[in-house]
Amino acid sequence: MWKRTHNDRTRGLLLTGLKAAGSAAVAIAVASAIHLQFSATAGIIAILSLMGTKRETMKVALGRLMAYGAALLIAFVCFSLFGDGLLAFGIYLFVFASLCYACSWGYATAMISVLISHFMGTGGMTWTQIGNESLLFLIGTTCGILTNLHLHPDERRLDALLRQADEQMRTALRALAEAADARNPLILLGETLRQADECAAKNAENSLTDAPTREIHYINMRRQQRRILLQVTKDAQKVQGHPPQEAEVRALIGCIFSEYDRENDCSSLLSALHDLLAEMQHQPLPVTRGEFEDRALLYVLLRRMEDFLLLKREFYEIYGYEMNRQLERKS
């Protein structure tokens, strides 16, 4: 696992370096081909336009475009009133930087100010100069956006993580049914759900249309179920006398384990759980304090498992039909 993660990180770093070098080279080549001044600036802009996801790339590009328009207006006023020297540029920086931080455009301050600095000592802003800087901005930004078009949701990895989480939860249920320790699979499940959550969030950022809403809700549902199983594990360990009802409760958990499936709406399991609760109500009352405490723990444990199943049924009622259609298409 560590070796695979290390290799993935290495490949990611190499890909990032290649993207930065490639997009910068293309931007500089295009700017040079049309004889723009300061053509290397287009390459720097291309590198700065490379974000981690598609959605972030588009969001930053749009913010920089609006900031660039504001910068041109502020620079025009400053250079017109104070000449094309350091004083005008300093006043521009003060006004523009304040505006950027007020509008959450802090990421645009340095890059755009480099473009505006090209107006210094050139006799003021002319349409030719404005066109030159605008083309540098557009070429660099476009190259950065096009370079990130290859980013796409990693649905295979997310599906693998969700299946791994399902298997770890089944392992925990089997341990509870067999009176074994379920803590270790639940700890592993927590880490898997964390990775799945990160993957789903990244997939959402790499999709410009539909976010993986169903998968995100599935992860949240499994996370809530994990919390319930952690508490069930603690409750089960507190049962001391091992009354006959304990075997019945563990048998029910065994049924949940055997019928565990993404497509299960849990209706039959909930019916079996309610039947067991009704049966326990007609059983003889406990006599000793220890028996009373054990029966109370088992009752609470059953109610927790009811919540466990209800979470799945509620999810199935909202997303089950859609998930079934997706699984049919994949098969």
Protein backbone atom coordinates (compact mmCIF):
# COMPACT_ATOMS: atom_id res chain seq x y z
CA MET A 1 0.00 0.00 0.00
CA TRP A 2 2.77 2.46 0.95
CA LYS A 3 4.77 1.58 -2.18
CA ARG A 4 1.77 2.14 -4.43
CA THR A 5 0.99 5.46 -2.75
CA HIS A 6 4.63 6.53 -3.13
CA ASN A 7 4.63 5.58 -6.82
CA ASP A 8 1.37 7.46 -7.41
CA ARG A 9 2.84 10.55 -5.72
CA THR A 10 5.98 10.32 -7.86
CA ARG A 11 3.95 10.01 -11.05
CA GLY A 12 1.83 12.96 -9.97
CA LEU A 13 4.90 15.13 -9.39
CA LEU A 14 6.37 14.18 -12.77
CA LEU A 15 3.07 14.89 -14.51
CA THR A 16 2.82 18.29 -12.80
CA GLY A 17 6.33 19.18 -13.91
CA LEU A 18 5.65 18.11 -17.49
CA LYS A 19 2.41 20.09 -17.56
CA ALA A 20 4.11 23.22 -16.26
CA ALA A 21 7.01 22.97 -18.71
CA GLY A 22 4.80 22.08 -21.67
CA SER A 23 2.16 24.76 -21.13
CA ALA A 24 4.82 27.44 -20.54
CA ALA A 25 6.74 26.43 -23.67
CA VAL A 26 3.63 26.52 -25.84
CA ALA A 27 2.53 29.88 -24.43
CA ILE A 28 5.96 31.43 -25.02
CA ALA A 29 6.13 29.97 -28.53
CA VAL A 30 2.72 31.39 -29.45
CA ALA A 31 3.54 34.81 -27.99
CA SER A 32 6.87 34.87 -29.81
CA ALA A 33 5.28 33.76 -33.08
CA ILE A 34 3.04 36.83 -33.12
CA HIS A 35 5.95 39.03 -32.02
CA LEU A 36 4.67 40.09 -28.61
CA GLN A 37 6.95 41.93 -26.21
CA PHE A 38 7.84 40.17 -22.93
CA SER A 39 6.75 36.83 -24.44
CA ALA A 40 8.24 34.90 -21.49
CA THR A 41 5.54 36.42 -19.31
CA ALA A 42 2.94 34.34 -21.18
CA GLY A 43 4.77 31.21 -20.03
CA ILE A 44 4.74 32.33 -16.40
CA ILE A 45 1.02 33.08 -16.63
CA ALA A 46 0.42 29.60 -18.09
CA ILE A 47 2.22 27.99 -15.13
CA LEU A 48 0.29 30.10 -12.62
CA SER A 49 -2.96 29.10 -14.33
CA LEU A 50 -2.39 25.40 -13.59
CA MET A 51 -4.65 24.49 -10.68
CA GLY A 52 -5.29 21.10 -9.10
CA THR A 53 -8.75 20.58 -10.61
CA LYS A 54 -10.81 21.69 -13.60
CA ARG A 55 -13.31 23.65 -11.55
CA GLU A 56 -10.60 25.48 -9.61
CA THR A 57 -8.78 26.27 -12.87
CA MET A 58 -11.91 27.84 -14.38
CA LYS A 59 -12.76 29.70 -11.18
CA VAL A 60 -9.28 31.20 -10.87
CA ALA A 61 -9.18 32.09 -14.58
CA LEU A 62 -12.49 33.94 -14.33
CA GLY A 63 -11.35 35.78 -11.20
CA ARG A 64 -8.10 36.81 -12.87
CA LEU A 65 -9.98 38.03 -15.93
CA MET A 66 -12.15 40.31 -13.80
CA ALA A 67 -9.10 41.44 -11.82
CA TYR A 68 -7.21 42.20 -15.04
CA GLY A 69 -10.05 44.41 -16.29
CA ALA A 70 -10.03 46.30 -12.99
CA ALA A 71 -6.22 46.58 -13.09
CA LEU A 72 -6.27 48.17 -16.55
CA LEU A 73 -8.78 50.78 -15.40
CA ILE A 74 -6.84 51.60 -12.21
CA ALA A 75 -3.53 51.70 -14.11
CA PHE A 76 -4.98 54.00 -16.78
CA VAL A 77 -6.10 56.50 -14.13
CA CYS A 78 -2.78 56.31 -12.22
CA PHE A 79 -0.51 56.58 -15.27
CA SER A 80 -2.63 59.38 -16.72
CA LEU A 81 -2.46 61.44 -13.52
CA PHE A 82 1.05 60.69 -12.27
CA GLY A 83 3.03 59.75 -15.37
CA ASP A 84 4.64 56.40 -16.12
CA GLY A 85 7.13 56.28 -13.28
CA LEU A 86 7.47 54.59 -9.92
CA LEU A 87 4.99 56.92 -8.17
CA ALA A 88 2.16 55.97 -10.53
CA PHE A 89 2.98 52.28 -10.21
CA GLY A 90 3.14 52.50 -6.43
CA ILE A 91 -0.29 54.17 -6.23
CA TYR A 92 -1.65 51.56 -8.64
CA LEU A 93 -0.30 48.75 -6.45
CA PHE A 94 -1.88 50.20 -3.33
CA VAL A 95 -5.32 50.57 -4.94
CA PHE A 96 -5.22 47.30 -6.89
CA ALA A 97 -3.90 45.16 -4.02
CA SER A 98 -6.57 46.57 -1.71
CA LEU A 99 -9.26 45.78 -4.29
CA CYS A 100 -7.94 42.23 -4.84
CA TYR A 101 -7.98 41.33 -1.17
CA ALA A 102 -11.40 42.91 -0.74
CA CYS A 103 -12.75 40.81 -3.64
CA SER A 104 -10.80 37.63 -2.72
CA TRP A 105 -8.58 38.01 -5.79
CA GLY A 106 -5.34 37.77 -3.84
CA TYR A 107 -4.07 35.06 -6.23
CA ALA A 108 -4.21 37.60 -9.10
CA THR A 109 -2.29 40.48 -7.51
CA ALA A 110 1.29 39.52 -8.38
CA MET A 111 0.66 38.03 -11.83
CA ILE A 112 -1.38 40.94 -13.15
CA SER A 113 0.89 43.53 -11.56
CA VAL A 114 3.78 42.08 -13.57
CA LEU A 115 1.80 42.84 -16.74
CA ILE A 116 1.00 46.37 -15.55
CA SER A 117 4.67 46.96 -14.69
CA HIS A 118 5.44 46.73 -18.42
CA PHE A 119 3.78 50.13 -18.83
CA MET A 120 6.43 51.81 -16.67
CA GLY A 121 8.91 54.00 -18.53
CA THR A 122 7.22 53.53 -21.90
CA GLY A 123 5.53 56.91 -22.18
CA GLY A 124 2.13 55.88 -20.78
CA MET A 125 -0.51 53.34 -21.75
CA THR A 126 -1.14 53.06 -25.47
CA TRP A 127 -3.59 50.83 -27.27
CA THR A 128 -0.67 48.85 -28.72
CA GLN A 129 0.76 48.21 -25.27
CA ILE A 130 -2.62 47.33 -23.83
CA GLY A 131 -3.15 44.89 -26.70
CA ASN A 132 0.28 43.35 -26.08
CA GLU A 133 -0.35 42.76 -22.36
CA SER A 134 -3.90 41.54 -22.97
CA LEU A 135 -2.68 38.96 -25.49
CA LEU A 136 0.01 37.79 -23.09
CA PHE A 137 -2.67 37.32 -20.44
CA LEU A 138 -5.09 35.51 -22.78
CA ILE A 139 -2.43 33.23 -24.30
CA GLY A 140 -0.99 32.22 -20.93
CA THR A 141 -4.38 31.64 -19.33
CA THR A 142 -5.71 29.69 -22.32
CA CYS A 143 -2.67 27.41 -22.37
CA GLY A 144 -3.11 26.73 -18.66
CA ILE A 145 -6.80 25.88 -19.09
CA LEU A 146 -6.19 23.64 -22.11
CA THR A 147 -3.42 21.80 -20.27
CA ASN A 148 -5.84 20.90 -17.47
CA LEU A 149 -8.56 19.60 -19.80
CA HIS A 150 -7.23 16.05 -19.30
CA LEU A 151 -8.34 16.10 -15.67
CA HIS A 152 -11.43 13.96 -15.17
CA PRO A 153 -13.27 12.28 -12.28
CA ASP A 154 -11.54 9.08 -11.16
CA GLU A 155 -14.71 7.00 -10.94
CA ARG A 156 -12.85 3.67 -10.93
CA ARG A 157 -10.83 4.59 -7.83
CA LEU A 158 -13.90 5.91 -6.02
CA ASP A 159 -15.87 2.77 -6.83
CA ALA A 160 -12.97 0.61 -5.61
CA LEU A 161 -12.80 2.55 -2.34
CA LEU A 162 -16.55 2.20 -1.80
CA ARG A 163 -16.38 -1.54 -2.41
CA GLN A 164 -13.46 -1.78 0.00
CA ALA A 165 -15.48 0.14 2.60
CA ASP A 166 -18.42 -2.22 2.09
CA GLU A 167 -16.18 -5.24 2.64
CA GLN A 168 -14.67 -3.75 5.81
CA MET A 169 -18.14 -3.06 7.17
CA ARG A 170 -19.19 -6.64 6.39
CA THR A 171 -16.10 -7.83 8.27
CA ALA A 172 -17.11 -5.73 11.28
CA LEU A 173 -20.66 -7.12 11.18
CA ARG A 174 -19.37 -10.69 11.01
CA ALA A 175 -17.12 -10.02 14.00
CA LEU A 176 -20.09 -8.70 15.99
CA ALA A 177 -22.19 -11.71 14.98
CA GLU A 178 -19.42 -14.09 16.12
CA ALA A 179 -18.74 -12.22 19.40
CA ALA A 180 -15.30 -11.19 18.11
CA ASP A 181 -13.59 -7.79 18.28
CA ALA A 182 -14.90 -5.50 15.51
CA ARG A 183 -12.73 -2.48 16.35
CA ASN A 184 -9.91 -3.18 13.90
CA PRO A 185 -12.09 -3.42 10.74
CA LEU A 186 -13.97 -0.32 11.90
CA ILE A 187 -10.68 1.59 12.24
CA LEU A 188 -9.71 0.51 8.72
CA LEU A 189 -13.17 1.47 7.54
CA GLY A 190 -12.73 4.99 8.90
CA GLU A 191 -9.52 5.46 6.88
CA THR A 192 -11.12 4.05 3.72
CA LEU A 193 -14.11 6.38 4.06
CA ARG A 194 -11.73 9.31 4.53
CA GLN A 195 -9.94 8.44 1.30
CA ALA A 196 -13.26 7.95 -0.49
CA ASP A 197 -14.46 11.32 0.74
CA GLU A 198 -11.32 13.01 -0.59
CA CYS A 199 -11.67 11.19 -3.91
CA ALA A 200 -15.35 12.17 -4.24
CA ALA A 201 -14.55 15.81 -3.45
CA LYS A 202 -11.78 15.83 -6.08
CA ASN A 203 -14.08 14.18 -8.60
CA ALA A 204 -16.63 16.90 -7.99
CA GLU A 205 -13.97 19.55 -8.64
CA ASN A 206 -12.91 17.82 -11.87
CA SER A 207 -16.46 17.70 -13.20
CA LEU A 208 -17.82 20.86 -14.79
CA THR A 209 -21.33 19.39 -15.03
CA ASP A 210 -22.64 16.92 -12.44
CA ALA A 211 -21.02 16.39 -9.04
CA PRO A 212 -21.04 12.82 -7.60
CA THR A 213 -23.86 13.65 -5.19
CA ARG A 214 -25.01 10.05 -4.79
CA GLU A 215 -21.52 8.82 -3.91
CA ILE A 216 -20.98 11.64 -1.41
CA HIS A 217 -24.25 10.79 0.35
CA TYR A 218 -23.32 7.10 0.27
CA ILE A 219 -20.04 7.86 2.03
CA ASN A 220 -21.84 9.99 4.63
CA MET A 221 -24.38 7.20 5.19
CA ARG A 222 -21.63 4.63 5.72
CA ARG A 223 -19.79 7.02 8.03
CA GLN A 224 -22.90 7.34 10.23
CA GLN A 225 -23.33 3.57 10.20
CA ARG A 226 -19.70 3.17 11.28
CA ARG A 227 -20.32 5.40 14.30
CA ILE A 228 -23.28 3.22 15.24
CA LEU A 229 -21.24 0.03 14.95
CA LEU A 230 -18.51 1.52 17.13
CA GLN A 231 -21.10 2.13 19.82
CA VAL A 232 -22.63 -1.32 19.30
CA THR A 233 -19.16 -2.81 19.80
CA LYS A 234 -18.83 -1.00 23.15
CA ASP A 235 -22.34 -2.07 24.22
CA ALA A 236 -21.73 -5.71 23.28
CA GLN A 237 -18.54 -5.82 25.36
CA LYS A 238 -20.49 -4.70 28.44
CA VAL A 239 -22.83 -7.70 28.38
CA GLN A 240 -21.54 -9.92 31.20
CA GLY A 241 -24.05 -12.67 31.91
CA HIS A 242 -24.56 -13.78 28.28
CA PRO A 243 -28.33 -14.31 28.48
CA PRO A 244 -30.16 -16.36 25.80
CA GLN A 245 -31.28 -13.14 24.13
CA GLU A 246 -27.67 -12.32 23.29
CA ALA A 247 -27.49 -15.26 20.89
CA GLU A 248 -30.69 -14.08 19.21
CA VAL A 249 -29.29 -10.57 18.79
CA ARG A 250 -26.02 -11.85 17.37
CA ALA A 251 -27.97 -14.12 15.01
CA LEU A 252 -29.81 -11.06 13.72
CA ILE A 253 -26.50 -9.26 13.16
CA GLY A 254 -25.38 -12.40 11.30
CA CYS A 255 -28.40 -12.02 9.01
CA ILE A 256 -27.47 -8.39 8.40
CA PHE A 257 -23.95 -9.55 7.51
CA SER A 258 -25.16 -12.27 5.13
CA GLU A 259 -27.64 -9.96 3.36
CA TYR A 260 -25.31 -6.95 3.25
CA ASP A 261 -25.45 -5.47 -0.25
CA ARG A 262 -25.60 -2.05 -1.88
CA GLU A 263 -28.91 -2.93 -3.49
CA ASN A 264 -30.59 -4.17 -0.30
CA ASP A 265 -33.33 -1.83 0.93
CA CYS A 266 -33.20 -3.53 4.38
CA SER A 267 -36.98 -4.02 4.56
CA SER A 268 -36.80 -7.72 5.44
CA LEU A 269 -34.02 -7.08 7.97
CA LEU A 270 -36.02 -4.33 9.67
CA SER A 271 -39.01 -6.66 9.81
CA ALA A 272 -36.88 -9.38 11.42
CA LEU A 273 -35.50 -6.89 13.93
CA HIS A 274 -38.99 -5.69 14.89
CA ASP A 275 -40.14 -9.30 15.27
CA LEU A 276 -37.25 -9.95 17.65
CA LEU A 277 -38.10 -6.84 19.68
CA ALA A 278 -41.72 -7.97 19.94
CA GLU A 279 -40.64 -11.46 20.97
CA MET A 280 -38.35 -10.09 23.68
CA GLN A 281 -41.24 -8.09 25.14
CA HIS A 282 -43.12 -11.33 25.84
CA GLN A 283 -40.18 -13.13 27.41
CA PRO A 284 -39.94 -13.46 31.22
CA LEU A 285 -38.64 -10.38 32.98
CA PRO A 286 -35.09 -10.43 34.34
CA VAL A 287 -34.71 -11.34 38.01
CA THR A 288 -31.29 -10.16 39.11
CA ARG A 289 -29.69 -6.76 38.62
CA GLY A 290 -27.10 -8.27 36.29
CA GLU A 291 -29.80 -9.84 34.10
CA PHE A 292 -31.66 -6.53 34.00
CA GLU A 293 -28.52 -4.63 32.91
CA ASP A 294 -27.70 -7.21 30.23
CA ARG A 295 -31.24 -7.12 28.82
CA ALA A 296 -31.18 -3.32 28.82
CA LEU A 297 -27.88 -3.32 26.91
CA LEU A 298 -29.24 -5.79 24.37
CA TYR A 299 -32.36 -3.66 23.92
CA VAL A 300 -30.25 -0.55 23.30
CA LEU A 301 -28.03 -2.55 20.95
CA LEU A 302 -31.06 -3.62 18.91
CA ARG A 303 -32.30 -0.05 18.71
CA ARG A 304 -28.88 1.03 17.45
CA MET A 305 -29.00 -1.66 14.79
CA GLU A 306 -32.44 -0.40 13.85
CA ASP A 307 -30.92 3.04 13.28
CA PHE A 308 -28.16 1.33 11.27
CA LEU A 309 -30.71 -0.26 8.94
CA LEU A 310 -32.92 2.82 8.71
CA LEU A 311 -29.97 4.86 7.44
CA LYS A 312 -29.55 2.41 4.57
CA ARG A 313 -33.25 2.28 3.78
CA GLU A 314 -33.50 6.08 3.71
CA PHE A 315 -30.54 6.21 1.35
CA TYR A 316 -32.03 3.49 -0.84
CA GLU A 317 -35.35 5.31 -1.07
CA ILE A 318 -33.56 8.37 -2.47
CA TYR A 319 -30.72 6.89 -4.54
CA GLY A 320 -31.33 3.16 -4.81
CA TYR A 321 -33.05 3.13 -8.19
CA GLU A 322 -30.41 5.37 -9.74
CA MET A 323 -27.57 3.28 -8.29
CA ASN A 324 -29.13 0.07 -9.58
CA ARG A 325 -29.30 1.49 -13.10
CA GLN A 326 -25.63 2.51 -12.90
CA LEU A 327 -24.58 -0.95 -11.72
CA GLU A 328 -26.58 -2.55 -14.56
CA ARG A 329 -24.78 -0.35 -17.09
CA LYS A 330 -21.37 -1.27 -15.64
CA SER A 331 -22.15 -4.97 -15.71
